[in-house]
Amino acid sequence: HADKQGKPHCLCQDPAACPPTKDYEHVCGTDN
């Protein structure tokens, strides 16, 4: 994301804003 001065910064991806996926693209985390 670029700040007001146009300088780029890395921010956490909002999980809710991730693009939709198909069932075969699902993954399992180590938290089961």
PDB file of all heavy atoms in Angstrom:
ATOM      1  N   HIS A   1       0.857  -1.179   0.000  1.00  0.00           N
ATOM      2  CA  HIS A   1       0.000   0.000   0.000  1.00  0.00           C
ATOM      3  C   HIS A   1       0.896   1.232   0.000  1.00  0.00           C
ATOM      4  O   HIS A   1       1.908   1.265   0.696  1.00  0.00           O
ATOM      5  CB  HIS A   1      -0.915   0.032   1.231  1.00  0.00           C
ATOM      6  CG  HIS A   1      -2.055  -0.939   1.148  1.00  0.00           C
ATOM      7  ND1 HIS A   1      -3.187  -0.701   0.410  1.00  0.00           N
ATOM      8  CD2 HIS A   1      -2.221  -2.165   1.718  1.00  0.00           C
ATOM      9  CE1 HIS A   1      -4.017  -1.731   0.526  1.00  0.00           C
ATOM     10  NE2 HIS A   1      -3.451  -2.632   1.308  1.00  0.00           N
ATOM     11  N   ALA A   2       0.529   2.225  -0.775  1.00  0.00           N
ATOM     12  CA  ALA A   2       1.292   3.472  -0.808  1.00  0.00           C
ATOM     13  C   ALA A   2       0.694   4.456   0.196  1.00  0.00           C
ATOM     14  O   ALA A   2      -0.531   4.584   0.296  1.00  0.00           O
ATOM     15  CB  ALA A   2       1.274   4.063  -2.210  1.00  0.00           C
ATOM     16  N   ASP A   3       1.557   5.145   0.974  1.00  0.00           N
ATOM     17  CA  ASP A   3       1.059   6.126   1.933  1.00  0.00           C
ATOM     18  C   ASP A   3       0.740   7.444   1.208  1.00  0.00           C
ATOM     19  O   ASP A   3       0.801   7.522  -0.030  1.00  0.00           O
ATOM     20  CB  ASP A   3       2.060   6.339   3.074  1.00  0.00           C
ATOM     21  CG  ASP A   3       3.419   6.849   2.579  1.00  0.00           C
ATOM     22  OD1 ASP A   3       3.474   7.385   1.447  1.00  0.00           O
ATOM     23  OD2 ASP A   3       4.396   6.716   3.323  1.00  0.00           O
ATOM     24  N   LYS A   4       0.404   8.467   1.959  1.00  0.00           N
ATOM     25  CA  LYS A   4      -0.007   9.745   1.362  1.00  0.00           C
ATOM     26  C   LYS A   4       1.106  10.378   0.531  1.00  0.00           C
ATOM     27  O   LYS A   4       0.844  11.132  -0.404  1.00  0.00           O
ATOM     28  CB  LYS A   4      -0.451  10.710   2.461  1.00  0.00           C
ATOM     29  CG  LYS A   4      -1.741  10.289   3.148  1.00  0.00           C
ATOM     30  CD  LYS A   4      -2.117  11.257   4.249  1.00  0.00           C
ATOM     31  CE  LYS A   4      -3.411  10.823   4.935  1.00  0.00           C
ATOM     32  NZ  LYS A   4      -3.790  11.746   6.049  1.00  0.00           N
ATOM     33  N   GLN A   5       2.339  10.067   0.888  1.00  0.00           N
ATOM     34  CA  GLN A   5       3.476  10.604   0.130  1.00  0.00           C
ATOM     35  C   GLN A   5       3.829   9.692  -1.070  1.00  0.00           C
ATOM     36  O   GLN A   5       4.754   9.968  -1.813  1.00  0.00           O
ATOM     37  CB  GLN A   5       4.709  10.739   1.026  1.00  0.00           C
ATOM     38  CG  GLN A   5       4.635  11.886   2.035  1.00  0.00           C
ATOM     39  CD  GLN A   5       3.707  11.576   3.195  1.00  0.00           C
ATOM     40  OE1 GLN A   5       3.688  10.451   3.690  1.00  0.00           O
ATOM     41  NE2 GLN A   5       2.922  12.566   3.616  1.00  0.00           N
ATOM     42  N   GLY A   6       3.083   8.625  -1.216  1.00  0.00           N
ATOM     43  CA  GLY A   6       3.329   7.705  -2.325  1.00  0.00           C
ATOM     44  C   GLY A   6       4.401   6.674  -2.037  1.00  0.00           C
ATOM     45  O   GLY A   6       4.806   5.919  -2.925  1.00  0.00           O
ATOM     46  N   LYS A   7       4.861   6.608  -0.780  1.00  0.00           N
ATOM     47  CA  LYS A   7       5.899   5.647  -0.415  1.00  0.00           C
ATOM     48  C   LYS A   7       5.266   4.281  -0.156  1.00  0.00           C
ATOM     49  O   LYS A   7       4.297   4.177   0.601  1.00  0.00           O
ATOM     50  CB  LYS A   7       6.643   6.133   0.830  1.00  0.00           C
ATOM     51  CG  LYS A   7       7.897   5.334   1.144  1.00  0.00           C
ATOM     52  CD  LYS A   7       8.650   5.936   2.318  1.00  0.00           C
ATOM     53  CE  LYS A   7       9.901   5.141   2.632  1.00  0.00           C
ATOM     54  NZ  LYS A   7      10.647   5.693   3.782  1.00  0.00           N
ATOM     55  N   PRO A   8       5.795   3.212  -0.749  1.00  0.00           N
ATOM     56  CA  PRO A   8       5.195   1.880  -0.580  1.00  0.00           C
ATOM     57  C   PRO A   8       5.507   1.261   0.780  1.00  0.00           C
ATOM     58  O   PRO A   8       6.605   1.421   1.309  1.00  0.00           O
ATOM     59  CB  PRO A   8       5.825   1.068  -1.713  1.00  0.00           C
ATOM     60  CG  PRO A   8       7.150   1.728  -1.961  1.00  0.00           C
ATOM     61  CD  PRO A   8       6.937   3.186  -1.685  1.00  0.00           C
ATOM     62  N   HIS A   9       4.530   0.567   1.334  1.00  0.00           N
ATOM     63  CA  HIS A   9       4.687  -0.166   2.594  1.00  0.00           C
ATOM     64  C   HIS A   9       3.976  -1.503   2.473  1.00  0.00           C
ATOM     65  O   HIS A   9       2.997  -1.633   1.735  1.00  0.00           O
ATOM     66  CB  HIS A   9       4.077   0.621   3.757  1.00  0.00           C
ATOM     67  CG  HIS A   9       4.782   1.905   4.080  1.00  0.00           C
ATOM     68  ND1 HIS A   9       5.915   1.955   4.847  1.00  0.00           N
ATOM     69  CD2 HIS A   9       4.505   3.184   3.718  1.00  0.00           C
ATOM     70  CE1 HIS A   9       6.312   3.221   4.955  1.00  0.00           C
ATOM     71  NE2 HIS A   9       5.471   3.983   4.278  1.00  0.00           N
ATOM     72  N   CYS A  10       4.464  -2.497   3.207  1.00  0.00           N
ATOM     73  CA  CYS A  10       3.818  -3.804   3.234  1.00  0.00           C
ATOM     74  C   CYS A  10       2.902  -3.886   4.452  1.00  0.00           C
ATOM     75  O   CYS A  10       3.351  -3.677   5.587  1.00  0.00           O
ATOM     76  CB  CYS A  10       4.852  -4.923   3.282  1.00  0.00           C
ATOM     77  SG  CYS A  10       5.795  -5.093   1.749  1.00  0.00           S
ATOM     78  N   LEU A  11       1.649  -4.207   4.217  1.00  0.00           N
ATOM     79  CA  LEU A  11       0.665  -4.371   5.280  1.00  0.00           C
ATOM     80  C   LEU A  11       0.056  -5.769   5.180  1.00  0.00           C
ATOM     81  O   LEU A  11       0.032  -6.368   4.102  1.00  0.00           O
ATOM     82  CB  LEU A  11      -0.446  -3.320   5.164  1.00  0.00           C
ATOM     83  CG  LEU A  11      -0.013  -1.853   5.220  1.00  0.00           C
ATOM     84  CD1 LEU A  11      -1.216  -0.950   4.970  1.00  0.00           C
ATOM     85  CD2 LEU A  11       0.634  -1.536   6.565  1.00  0.00           C
ATOM     86  N   CYS A  12      -0.451  -6.265   6.304  1.00  0.00           N
ATOM     87  CA  CYS A  12      -1.056  -7.587   6.307  1.00  0.00           C
ATOM     88  C   CYS A  12      -2.256  -7.644   5.373  1.00  0.00           C
ATOM     89  O   CYS A  12      -3.092  -6.736   5.350  1.00  0.00           O
ATOM     90  CB  CYS A  12      -1.502  -7.979   7.717  1.00  0.00           C
ATOM     91  SG  CYS A  12      -0.137  -8.441   8.813  1.00  0.00           S
ATOM     92  N   GLN A  13      -2.318  -8.724   4.613  1.00  0.00           N
ATOM     93  CA  GLN A  13      -3.464  -8.976   3.758  1.00  0.00           C
ATOM     94  C   GLN A  13      -4.694  -9.237   4.633  1.00  0.00           C
ATOM     95  O   GLN A  13      -4.623 -10.005   5.597  1.00  0.00           O
ATOM     96  CB  GLN A  13      -3.183 -10.211   2.890  1.00  0.00           C
ATOM     97  CG  GLN A  13      -4.387 -10.823   2.203  1.00  0.00           C
ATOM     98  CD  GLN A  13      -4.861  -9.992   1.017  1.00  0.00           C
ATOM     99  OE1 GLN A  13      -4.071  -9.653   0.157  1.00  0.00           O
ATOM    100  NE2 GLN A  13      -6.137  -9.677   0.989  1.00  0.00           N
ATOM    101  N   ASP A  14      -5.802  -8.593   4.320  1.00  0.00           N
ATOM    102  CA  ASP A  14      -7.054  -8.873   5.022  1.00  0.00           C
ATOM    103  C   ASP A  14      -7.593 -10.191   4.488  1.00  0.00           C
ATOM    104  O   ASP A  14      -7.944 -10.288   3.300  1.00  0.00           O
ATOM    105  CB  ASP A  14      -8.062  -7.749   4.758  1.00  0.00           C
ATOM    106  CG  ASP A  14      -9.413  -8.013   5.426  1.00  0.00           C
ATOM    107  OD1 ASP A  14      -9.529  -9.018   6.153  1.00  0.00           O
ATOM    108  OD2 ASP A  14     -10.344  -7.219   5.195  1.00  0.00           O
ATOM    109  N   PRO A  15      -7.660 -11.250   5.323  1.00  0.00           N
ATOM    110  CA  PRO A  15      -8.135 -12.555   4.829  1.00  0.00           C
ATOM    111  C   PRO A  15      -9.513 -12.470   4.173  1.00  0.00           C
ATOM    112  O   PRO A  15      -9.793 -13.197   3.215  1.00  0.00           O
ATOM    113  CB  PRO A  15      -8.179 -13.410   6.102  1.00  0.00           C
ATOM    114  CG  PRO A  15      -7.185 -12.769   7.018  1.00  0.00           C
ATOM    115  CD  PRO A  15      -7.286 -11.303   6.739  1.00  0.00           C
ATOM    116  N   ALA A  16     -10.362 -11.585   4.682  1.00  0.00           N
ATOM    117  CA  ALA A  16     -11.713 -11.461   4.134  1.00  0.00           C
ATOM    118  C   ALA A  16     -11.703 -10.853   2.733  1.00  0.00           C
ATOM    119  O   ALA A  16     -12.680 -10.988   1.985  1.00  0.00           O
ATOM    120  CB  ALA A  16     -12.583 -10.614   5.061  1.00  0.00           C
ATOM    121  N   ALA A  17     -10.612 -10.179   2.372  1.00  0.00           N
ATOM    122  CA  ALA A  17     -10.527  -9.529   1.054  1.00  0.00           C
ATOM    123  C   ALA A  17      -9.846 -10.416   0.007  1.00  0.00           C
ATOM    124  O   ALA A  17      -9.669  -9.979  -1.139  1.00  0.00           O
ATOM    125  CB  ALA A  17      -9.773  -8.213   1.183  1.00  0.00           C
ATOM    126  N   CYS A  18      -9.472 -11.638   0.381  1.00  0.00           N
ATOM    127  CA  CYS A  18      -8.835 -12.545  -0.578  1.00  0.00           C
ATOM    128  C   CYS A  18      -9.834 -12.934  -1.668  1.00  0.00           C
ATOM    129  O   CYS A  18     -11.040 -13.060  -1.396  1.00  0.00           O
ATOM    130  CB  CYS A  18      -8.338 -13.807   0.133  1.00  0.00           C
ATOM    131  SG  CYS A  18      -6.882 -13.545   1.178  1.00  0.00           S
ATOM    132  N   PRO A  19      -9.365 -13.125  -2.880  1.00  0.00           N
ATOM    133  CA  PRO A  19     -10.279 -13.508  -3.962  1.00  0.00           C
ATOM    134  C   PRO A  19     -10.903 -14.876  -3.697  1.00  0.00           C
ATOM    135  O   PRO A  19     -10.301 -15.715  -3.028  1.00  0.00           O
ATOM    136  CB  PRO A  19      -9.364 -13.540  -5.199  1.00  0.00           C
ATOM    137  CG  PRO A  19      -7.982 -13.683  -4.666  1.00  0.00           C
ATOM    138  CD  PRO A  19      -7.972 -12.994  -3.344  1.00  0.00           C
ATOM    139  N   PRO A  20     -12.103 -15.107  -4.204  1.00  0.00           N
ATOM    140  CA  PRO A  20     -12.769 -16.406  -3.985  1.00  0.00           C
ATOM    141  C   PRO A  20     -11.973 -17.540  -4.624  1.00  0.00           C
ATOM    142  O   PRO A  20     -11.275 -17.344  -5.615  1.00  0.00           O
ATOM    143  CB  PRO A  20     -14.131 -16.225  -4.665  1.00  0.00           C
ATOM    144  CG  PRO A  20     -13.938 -15.100  -5.628  1.00  0.00           C
ATOM    145  CD  PRO A  20     -12.918 -14.195  -5.019  1.00  0.00           C
ATOM    146  N   THR A  21     -12.079 -18.720  -4.031  1.00  0.00           N
ATOM    147  CA  THR A  21     -11.333 -19.882  -4.528  1.00  0.00           C
ATOM    148  C   THR A  21     -12.279 -21.052  -4.767  1.00  0.00           C
ATOM    149  O   THR A  21     -13.403 -21.080  -4.259  1.00  0.00           O
ATOM    150  CB  THR A  21     -10.260 -20.324  -3.520  1.00  0.00           C
ATOM    151  OG1 THR A  21     -10.885 -20.621  -2.263  1.00  0.00           O
ATOM    152  CG2 THR A  21      -9.218 -19.244  -3.307  1.00  0.00           C
ATOM    153  N   LYS A  22     -11.796 -22.022  -5.516  1.00  0.00           N
ATOM    154  CA  LYS A  22     -12.526 -23.270  -5.743  1.00  0.00           C
ATOM    155  C   LYS A  22     -12.215 -24.233  -4.597  1.00  0.00           C
ATOM    156  O   LYS A  22     -11.235 -24.067  -3.872  1.00  0.00           O
ATOM    157  CB  LYS A  22     -12.094 -23.907  -7.062  1.00  0.00           C
ATOM    158  CG  LYS A  22     -12.199 -22.981  -8.269  1.00  0.00           C
ATOM    159  CD  LYS A  22     -13.639 -22.720  -8.658  1.00  0.00           C
ATOM    160  CE  LYS A  22     -13.699 -21.911  -9.955  1.00  0.00           C
ATOM    161  NZ  LYS A  22     -15.091 -21.558 -10.322  1.00  0.00           N
ATOM    162  N   ASP A  23     -13.027 -25.260  -4.455  1.00  0.00           N
ATOM    163  CA  ASP A  23     -12.820 -26.248  -3.387  1.00  0.00           C
ATOM    164  C   ASP A  23     -11.428 -26.884  -3.470  1.00  0.00           C
ATOM    165  O   ASP A  23     -10.797 -27.135  -2.442  1.00  0.00           O
ATOM    166  CB  ASP A  23     -13.886 -27.347  -3.451  1.00  0.00           C
ATOM    167  CG  ASP A  23     -15.250 -26.861  -2.970  1.00  0.00           C
ATOM    168  OD1 ASP A  23     -15.304 -25.743  -2.401  1.00  0.00           O
ATOM    169  OD2 ASP A  23     -16.255 -27.571  -3.162  1.00  0.00           O
ATOM    170  N   TYR A  24     -10.951 -27.143  -4.695  1.00  0.00           N
ATOM    171  CA  TYR A  24      -9.658 -27.809  -4.839  1.00  0.00           C
ATOM    172  C   TYR A  24      -8.477 -26.902  -4.479  1.00  0.00           C
ATOM    173  O   TYR A  24      -7.336 -27.357  -4.412  1.00  0.00           O
ATOM    174  CB  TYR A  24      -9.485 -28.385  -6.249  1.00  0.00           C
ATOM    175  CG  TYR A  24      -9.511 -27.358  -7.365  1.00  0.00           C
ATOM    176  CD1 TYR A  24      -8.378 -26.592  -7.675  1.00  0.00           C
ATOM    177  CD2 TYR A  24     -10.658 -27.165  -8.129  1.00  0.00           C
ATOM    178  CE1 TYR A  24      -8.400 -25.663  -8.689  1.00  0.00           C
ATOM    179  CE2 TYR A  24     -10.693 -26.232  -9.151  1.00  0.00           C
ATOM    180  CZ  TYR A  24      -9.561 -25.487  -9.437  1.00  0.00           C
ATOM    181  OH  TYR A  24      -9.582 -24.551 -10.451  1.00  0.00           O
ATOM    182  N   GLU A  25      -8.761 -25.624  -4.251  1.00  0.00           N
ATOM    183  CA  GLU A  25      -7.701 -24.684  -3.868  1.00  0.00           C
ATOM    184  C   GLU A  25      -7.620 -24.504  -2.350  1.00  0.00           C
ATOM    185  O   GLU A  25      -6.768 -23.769  -1.859  1.00  0.00           O
ATOM    186  CB  GLU A  25      -7.933 -23.322  -4.534  1.00  0.00           C
ATOM    187  CG  GLU A  25      -7.821 -23.355  -6.056  1.00  0.00           C
ATOM    188  CD  GLU A  25      -8.161 -22.021  -6.706  1.00  0.00           C
ATOM    189  OE1 GLU A  25      -9.288 -21.523  -6.511  1.00  0.00           O
ATOM    190  OE2 GLU A  25      -7.286 -21.478  -7.402  1.00  0.00           O
ATOM    191  N   HIS A  26      -8.506 -25.162  -1.610  1.00  0.00           N
ATOM    192  CA  HIS A  26      -8.484 -25.075  -0.155  1.00  0.00           C
ATOM    193  C   HIS A  26      -7.187 -25.683   0.385  1.00  0.00           C
ATOM    194  O   HIS A  26      -6.613 -26.587  -0.225  1.00  0.00           O
ATOM    195  CB  HIS A  26      -9.682 -25.795   0.453  1.00  0.00           C
ATOM    196  CG  HIS A  26     -10.985 -25.094   0.183  1.00  0.00           C
ATOM    197  ND1 HIS A  26     -12.207 -25.585   0.593  1.00  0.00           N
ATOM    198  CD2 HIS A  26     -11.251 -23.925  -0.452  1.00  0.00           C
ATOM    199  CE1 HIS A  26     -13.169 -24.752   0.221  1.00  0.00           C
ATOM    200  NE2 HIS A  26     -12.610 -23.744  -0.423  1.00  0.00           N
ATOM    201  N   VAL A  27      -6.739 -25.174   1.523  1.00  0.00           N
ATOM    202  CA  VAL A  27      -5.522 -25.691   2.153  1.00  0.00           C
ATOM    203  C   VAL A  27      -5.780 -25.911   3.641  1.00  0.00           C
ATOM    204  O   VAL A  27      -6.679 -25.311   4.227  1.00  0.00           O
ATOM    205  CB  VAL A  27      -4.328 -24.725   1.972  1.00  0.00           C
ATOM    206  CG1 VAL A  27      -3.973 -24.569   0.501  1.00  0.00           C
ATOM    207  CG2 VAL A  27      -4.606 -23.367   2.597  1.00  0.00           C
ATOM    208  N   CYS A  28      -4.975 -26.784   4.225  1.00  0.00           N
ATOM    209  CA  CYS A  28      -5.098 -27.071   5.652  1.00  0.00           C
ATOM    210  C   CYS A  28      -3.911 -26.467   6.390  1.00  0.00           C
ATOM    211  O   CYS A  28      -2.755 -26.666   6.004  1.00  0.00           O
ATOM    212  CB  CYS A  28      -5.145 -28.579   5.887  1.00  0.00           C
ATOM    213  SG  CYS A  28      -5.442 -29.035   7.621  1.00  0.00           S
ATOM    214  N   GLY A  29      -4.187 -25.702   7.431  1.00  0.00           N
ATOM    215  CA  GLY A  29      -3.129 -25.105   8.240  1.00  0.00           C
ATOM    216  C   GLY A  29      -2.689 -26.049   9.341  1.00  0.00           C
ATOM    217  O   GLY A  29      -3.367 -27.037   9.645  1.00  0.00           O
ATOM    218  N   THR A  30      -1.554 -25.744   9.957  1.00  0.00           N
ATOM    219  CA  THR A  30      -1.066 -26.580  11.054  1.00  0.00           C
ATOM    220  C   THR A  30      -1.936 -26.449  12.303  1.00  0.00           C
ATOM    221  O   THR A  30      -1.738 -27.177  13.275  1.00  0.00           O
ATOM    222  CB  THR A  30       0.392 -26.208  11.404  1.00  0.00           C
ATOM    223  OG1 THR A  30       0.509 -24.771  11.486  1.00  0.00           O
ATOM    224  CG2 THR A  30       1.352 -26.709  10.348  1.00  0.00           C
ATOM    225  N   ASP A  31      -2.919 -25.526  12.262  1.00  0.00           N
ATOM    226  CA  ASP A  31      -3.896 -25.422  13.350  1.00  0.00           C
ATOM    227  C   ASP A  31      -5.088 -26.329  13.093  1.00  0.00           C
ATOM    228  O   ASP A  31      -6.100 -26.257  13.792  1.00  0.00           O
ATOM    229  CB  ASP A  31      -4.360 -23.971  13.516  1.00  0.00           C
ATOM    230  CG  ASP A  31      -4.927 -23.386  12.218  1.00  0.00           C
ATOM    231  OD1 ASP A  31      -4.875 -24.080  11.176  1.00  0.00           O
ATOM    232  OD2 ASP A  31      -5.420 -22.247  12.245  1.00  0.00           O
ATOM    233  N   ASN A  32      -4.959 -27.198  12.068  1.00  0.00           N
ATOM    234  CA  ASN A  32      -6.012 -28.144  11.670  1.00  0.00           C
ATOM    235  C   ASN A  32      -7.297 -27.423  11.252  1.00  0.00           C
ATOM    236  O   ASN A  32      -8.394 -27.938  11.425  1.00  0.00           O
ATOM    237  CB  ASN A  32      -6.319 -29.152  12.785  1.00  0.00           C
ATOM    238  CG  ASN A  32      -6.968 -30.414  12.239  1.00  0.00           C
ATOM    239  OD1 ASN A  32      -6.654 -30.846  11.123  1.00  0.00           O
ATOM    240  ND2 ASN A  32      -7.886 -30.999  12.989  1.00  0.00           N
TER     241      ASN A  32
END
